[in-house]
Amino acid sequence: MPVAEEDRRRLRWQCRRGMLELDHLLGRFLDLGYAELSERERSSFLRLLAEPDQRLSDWLMSRSPPPDPELSALVQRILEVASEG
């Protein structure tokens, strides 16, 4: 599903975090995997971006799993997409 340029810019800004590792993972996912998400998964991505940096870091660095199964699946997808290439 295509992403409007305005939406992409807004999401790019939300993917910018206080930690370089998070910037890299989230930005790479936005570039390579976001367009393939369903509407429900895109809503989950917005919920994920609303989380504090430390919690995101714990989840994306596999230090702890997200308690929400939808966010957990999305974190796994982000890690898979970000490691491709």
N, C-alpha and C. Protein backbone atom coordinates (compact mmCIF):
# COMPACT_ATOMS: atom_id res chain seq x y z
N MET A 1 0.85 -1.17 0.00
CA MET A 1 0.00 0.00 0.00
C MET A 1 0.90 1.24 0.00
N PRO A 2 0.75 2.12 -0.96
CA PRO A 2 1.61 3.30 -1.05
C PRO A 2 1.44 4.23 0.16
N VAL A 3 2.49 4.97 0.43
CA VAL A 3 2.48 5.91 1.55
C VAL A 3 2.60 7.32 0.97
N ALA A 4 1.68 8.20 1.34
CA ALA A 4 1.72 9.58 0.87
C ALA A 4 3.00 10.24 1.38
N GLU A 5 3.57 11.11 0.57
CA GLU A 5 4.84 11.76 0.93
C GLU A 5 4.73 12.54 2.24
N GLU A 6 3.62 13.19 2.46
CA GLU A 6 3.43 13.93 3.71
C GLU A 6 3.43 12.97 4.91
N ASP A 7 2.77 11.83 4.76
CA ASP A 7 2.76 10.83 5.83
C ASP A 7 4.17 10.28 6.07
N ARG A 8 4.90 10.06 4.99
CA ARG A 8 6.27 9.54 5.12
C ARG A 8 7.15 10.53 5.87
N ARG A 9 7.02 11.82 5.56
CA ARG A 9 7.82 12.84 6.26
C ARG A 9 7.46 12.89 7.75
N ARG A 10 6.18 12.81 8.05
CA ARG A 10 5.74 12.83 9.44
C ARG A 10 6.28 11.61 10.18
N LEU A 11 6.19 10.46 9.55
CA LEU A 11 6.70 9.24 10.17
C LEU A 11 8.22 9.28 10.33
N ARG A 12 8.90 9.82 9.33
CA ARG A 12 10.36 9.93 9.40
C ARG A 12 10.74 10.74 10.64
N TRP A 13 10.02 11.84 10.88
CA TRP A 13 10.30 12.67 12.05
C TRP A 13 10.04 11.88 13.33
N GLN A 14 8.96 11.10 13.37
CA GLN A 14 8.64 10.31 14.57
C GLN A 14 9.65 9.19 14.79
N CYS A 15 10.29 8.72 13.73
CA CYS A 15 11.30 7.65 13.84
C CYS A 15 12.62 8.19 14.39
N ARG A 16 12.81 9.50 14.36
CA ARG A 16 14.03 10.09 14.92
C ARG A 16 13.93 10.06 16.43
N ARG A 17 14.86 9.38 17.04
CA ARG A 17 14.84 9.18 18.48
C ARG A 17 16.12 9.74 19.10
N GLY A 18 16.25 9.57 20.39
CA GLY A 18 17.44 10.04 21.09
C GLY A 18 18.59 9.05 21.04
N MET A 19 18.38 7.92 20.38
CA MET A 19 19.42 6.88 20.30
C MET A 19 19.66 6.53 18.83
N LEU A 20 20.92 6.57 18.44
CA LEU A 20 21.28 6.31 17.05
C LEU A 20 20.79 4.94 16.58
N GLU A 21 20.89 3.93 17.44
CA GLU A 21 20.46 2.58 17.06
C GLU A 21 18.98 2.55 16.71
N LEU A 22 18.18 3.26 17.49
CA LEU A 22 16.74 3.32 17.21
C LEU A 22 16.48 4.07 15.92
N ASP A 23 17.18 5.18 15.71
CA ASP A 23 17.04 5.94 14.46
C ASP A 23 17.29 5.03 13.26
N HIS A 24 18.36 4.27 13.36
CA HIS A 24 18.74 3.39 12.24
C HIS A 24 17.68 2.31 11.99
N LEU A 25 17.29 1.60 13.03
CA LEU A 25 16.32 0.50 12.88
C LEU A 25 14.97 1.01 12.37
N LEU A 26 14.46 2.05 13.00
CA LEU A 26 13.13 2.55 12.63
C LEU A 26 13.15 3.20 11.25
N GLY A 27 14.20 3.96 10.96
CA GLY A 27 14.30 4.59 9.64
C GLY A 27 14.44 3.57 8.53
N ARG A 28 15.24 2.54 8.76
CA ARG A 28 15.41 1.48 7.75
C ARG A 28 14.09 0.75 7.52
N PHE A 29 13.37 0.48 8.62
CA PHE A 29 12.08 -0.18 8.47
C PHE A 29 11.11 0.71 7.71
N LEU A 30 11.10 1.99 8.00
CA LEU A 30 10.21 2.91 7.28
C LEU A 30 10.51 2.86 5.78
N ASP A 31 11.78 2.83 5.43
CA ASP A 31 12.18 2.81 4.02
C ASP A 31 11.89 1.47 3.34
N LEU A 32 12.07 0.37 4.06
CA LEU A 32 12.02 -0.94 3.42
C LEU A 32 10.79 -1.79 3.73
N GLY A 33 10.08 -1.50 4.81
CA GLY A 33 9.01 -2.41 5.20
C GLY A 33 7.66 -1.79 5.49
N TYR A 34 7.65 -0.51 5.79
CA TYR A 34 6.40 0.13 6.22
C TYR A 34 5.31 0.04 5.16
N ALA A 35 5.64 0.25 3.91
CA ALA A 35 4.64 0.27 2.84
C ALA A 35 3.88 -1.05 2.72
N GLU A 36 4.47 -2.14 3.20
CA GLU A 36 3.84 -3.46 3.11
C GLU A 36 2.90 -3.75 4.27
N LEU A 37 2.86 -2.87 5.27
CA LEU A 37 2.00 -3.11 6.43
C LEU A 37 0.53 -2.91 6.11
N SER A 38 -0.30 -3.67 6.78
CA SER A 38 -1.75 -3.47 6.70
C SER A 38 -2.11 -2.22 7.50
N GLU A 39 -3.33 -1.76 7.39
CA GLU A 39 -3.78 -0.59 8.16
C GLU A 39 -3.65 -0.87 9.66
N ARG A 40 -4.00 -2.06 10.07
CA ARG A 40 -3.90 -2.42 11.50
C ARG A 40 -2.45 -2.40 11.96
N GLU A 41 -1.56 -2.93 11.13
CA GLU A 41 -0.14 -2.94 11.48
C GLU A 41 0.42 -1.51 11.50
N ARG A 42 -0.07 -0.66 10.61
CA ARG A 42 0.37 0.74 10.63
C ARG A 42 -0.08 1.43 11.91
N SER A 43 -1.25 1.11 12.38
CA SER A 43 -1.72 1.65 13.67
C SER A 43 -0.82 1.15 14.80
N SER A 44 -0.43 -0.10 14.73
CA SER A 44 0.48 -0.65 15.74
C SER A 44 1.84 0.05 15.68
N PHE A 45 2.29 0.38 14.48
CA PHE A 45 3.56 1.09 14.33
C PHE A 45 3.48 2.46 15.00
N LEU A 46 2.36 3.15 14.84
CA LEU A 46 2.18 4.45 15.51
C LEU A 46 2.17 4.27 17.02
N ARG A 47 1.55 3.21 17.51
CA ARG A 47 1.57 2.94 18.95
C ARG A 47 2.99 2.67 19.42
N LEU A 48 3.74 1.94 18.61
CA LEU A 48 5.13 1.64 18.94
C LEU A 48 5.94 2.94 19.05
N LEU A 49 5.74 3.84 18.09
CA LEU A 49 6.48 5.10 18.08
C LEU A 49 6.13 5.99 19.27
N ALA A 50 4.99 5.75 19.88
CA ALA A 50 4.57 6.55 21.04
C ALA A 50 5.26 6.09 22.33
N GLU A 51 5.96 4.97 22.28
CA GLU A 51 6.64 4.44 23.46
C GLU A 51 7.92 5.23 23.74
N PRO A 52 8.32 5.28 25.02
CA PRO A 52 9.58 5.96 25.37
C PRO A 52 10.79 5.25 24.75
N ASP A 53 11.84 6.02 24.51
CA ASP A 53 13.04 5.48 23.87
C ASP A 53 13.61 4.28 24.61
N GLN A 54 13.68 4.35 25.92
CA GLN A 54 14.29 3.24 26.68
C GLN A 54 13.51 1.94 26.49
N ARG A 55 12.19 2.03 26.48
CA ARG A 55 11.37 0.84 26.27
C ARG A 55 11.58 0.31 24.85
N LEU A 56 11.58 1.22 23.86
CA LEU A 56 11.83 0.80 22.47
C LEU A 56 13.20 0.13 22.36
N SER A 57 14.17 0.72 22.99
CA SER A 57 15.51 0.15 22.95
C SER A 57 15.52 -1.26 23.53
N ASP A 58 14.88 -1.44 24.67
CA ASP A 58 14.82 -2.78 25.28
C ASP A 58 14.17 -3.78 24.33
N TRP A 59 13.10 -3.37 23.69
CA TRP A 59 12.40 -4.28 22.78
C TRP A 59 13.20 -4.57 21.52
N LEU A 60 13.75 -3.52 20.91
CA LEU A 60 14.45 -3.69 19.62
C LEU A 60 15.85 -4.27 19.77
N MET A 61 16.39 -4.21 20.98
CA MET A 61 17.69 -4.84 21.24
C MET A 61 17.51 -6.20 21.92
N SER A 62 16.26 -6.68 21.94
CA SER A 62 15.91 -8.00 22.48
C SER A 62 16.28 -8.18 23.95
N ARG A 63 16.24 -7.09 24.72
CA ARG A 63 16.48 -7.20 26.16
C ARG A 63 15.21 -7.59 26.90
N SER A 64 14.06 -7.23 26.33
CA SER A 64 12.77 -7.64 26.91
C SER A 64 11.73 -7.61 25.79
N PRO A 65 10.73 -8.47 25.88
CA PRO A 65 9.69 -8.51 24.83
C PRO A 65 8.58 -7.51 25.15
N PRO A 66 7.96 -6.97 24.11
CA PRO A 66 6.77 -6.13 24.34
C PRO A 66 5.66 -6.99 24.94
N PRO A 67 4.89 -6.45 25.89
CA PRO A 67 3.82 -7.23 26.49
C PRO A 67 2.63 -7.44 25.55
N ASP A 68 2.49 -6.59 24.57
CA ASP A 68 1.38 -6.64 23.61
C ASP A 68 1.78 -7.54 22.43
N PRO A 69 1.00 -8.58 22.13
CA PRO A 69 1.35 -9.49 21.03
C PRO A 69 1.47 -8.79 19.66
N GLU A 70 0.65 -7.79 19.40
CA GLU A 70 0.75 -7.07 18.12
C GLU A 70 2.06 -6.30 18.03
N LEU A 71 2.45 -5.65 19.12
CA LEU A 71 3.72 -4.92 19.13
C LEU A 71 4.89 -5.89 19.06
N SER A 72 4.75 -7.02 19.71
CA SER A 72 5.81 -8.04 19.67
C SER A 72 6.03 -8.52 18.23
N ALA A 73 4.96 -8.80 17.52
CA ALA A 73 5.08 -9.24 16.12
C ALA A 73 5.69 -8.14 15.27
N LEU A 74 5.32 -6.90 15.53
CA LEU A 74 5.85 -5.78 14.76
C LEU A 74 7.35 -5.59 15.04
N VAL A 75 7.75 -5.71 16.28
CA VAL A 75 9.17 -5.60 16.62
C VAL A 75 9.96 -6.67 15.87
N GLN A 76 9.46 -7.89 15.83
CA GLN A 76 10.15 -8.96 15.09
C GLN A 76 10.25 -8.62 13.61
N ARG A 77 9.19 -8.07 13.08
CA ARG A 77 9.19 -7.69 11.65
C ARG A 77 10.20 -6.57 11.39
N ILE A 78 10.24 -5.58 12.27
CA ILE A 78 11.21 -4.49 12.13
C ILE A 78 12.62 -5.05 12.13
N LEU A 79 12.91 -5.94 13.06
CA LEU A 79 14.26 -6.52 13.15
C LEU A 79 14.59 -7.33 11.89
N GLU A 80 13.64 -8.07 11.38
CA GLU A 80 13.87 -8.85 10.16
C GLU A 80 14.16 -7.95 8.97
N VAL A 81 13.31 -6.93 8.79
CA VAL A 81 13.47 -6.02 7.65
C VAL A 81 14.77 -5.23 7.78
N ALA A 82 15.09 -4.76 8.96
CA ALA A 82 16.29 -3.95 9.16
C ALA A 82 17.56 -4.76 8.95
N SER A 83 17.49 -6.07 9.14
CA SER A 83 18.69 -6.89 8.97
C SER A 83 18.87 -7.36 7.53
N GLU A 84 17.88 -7.15 6.69
CA GLU A 84 18.00 -7.55 5.28
C GLU A 84 18.94 -6.61 4.56
N GLY A 85 19.48 -7.12 3.48
CA GLY A 85 20.26 -6.24 2.63
C GLY A 85 21.69 -6.45 2.79
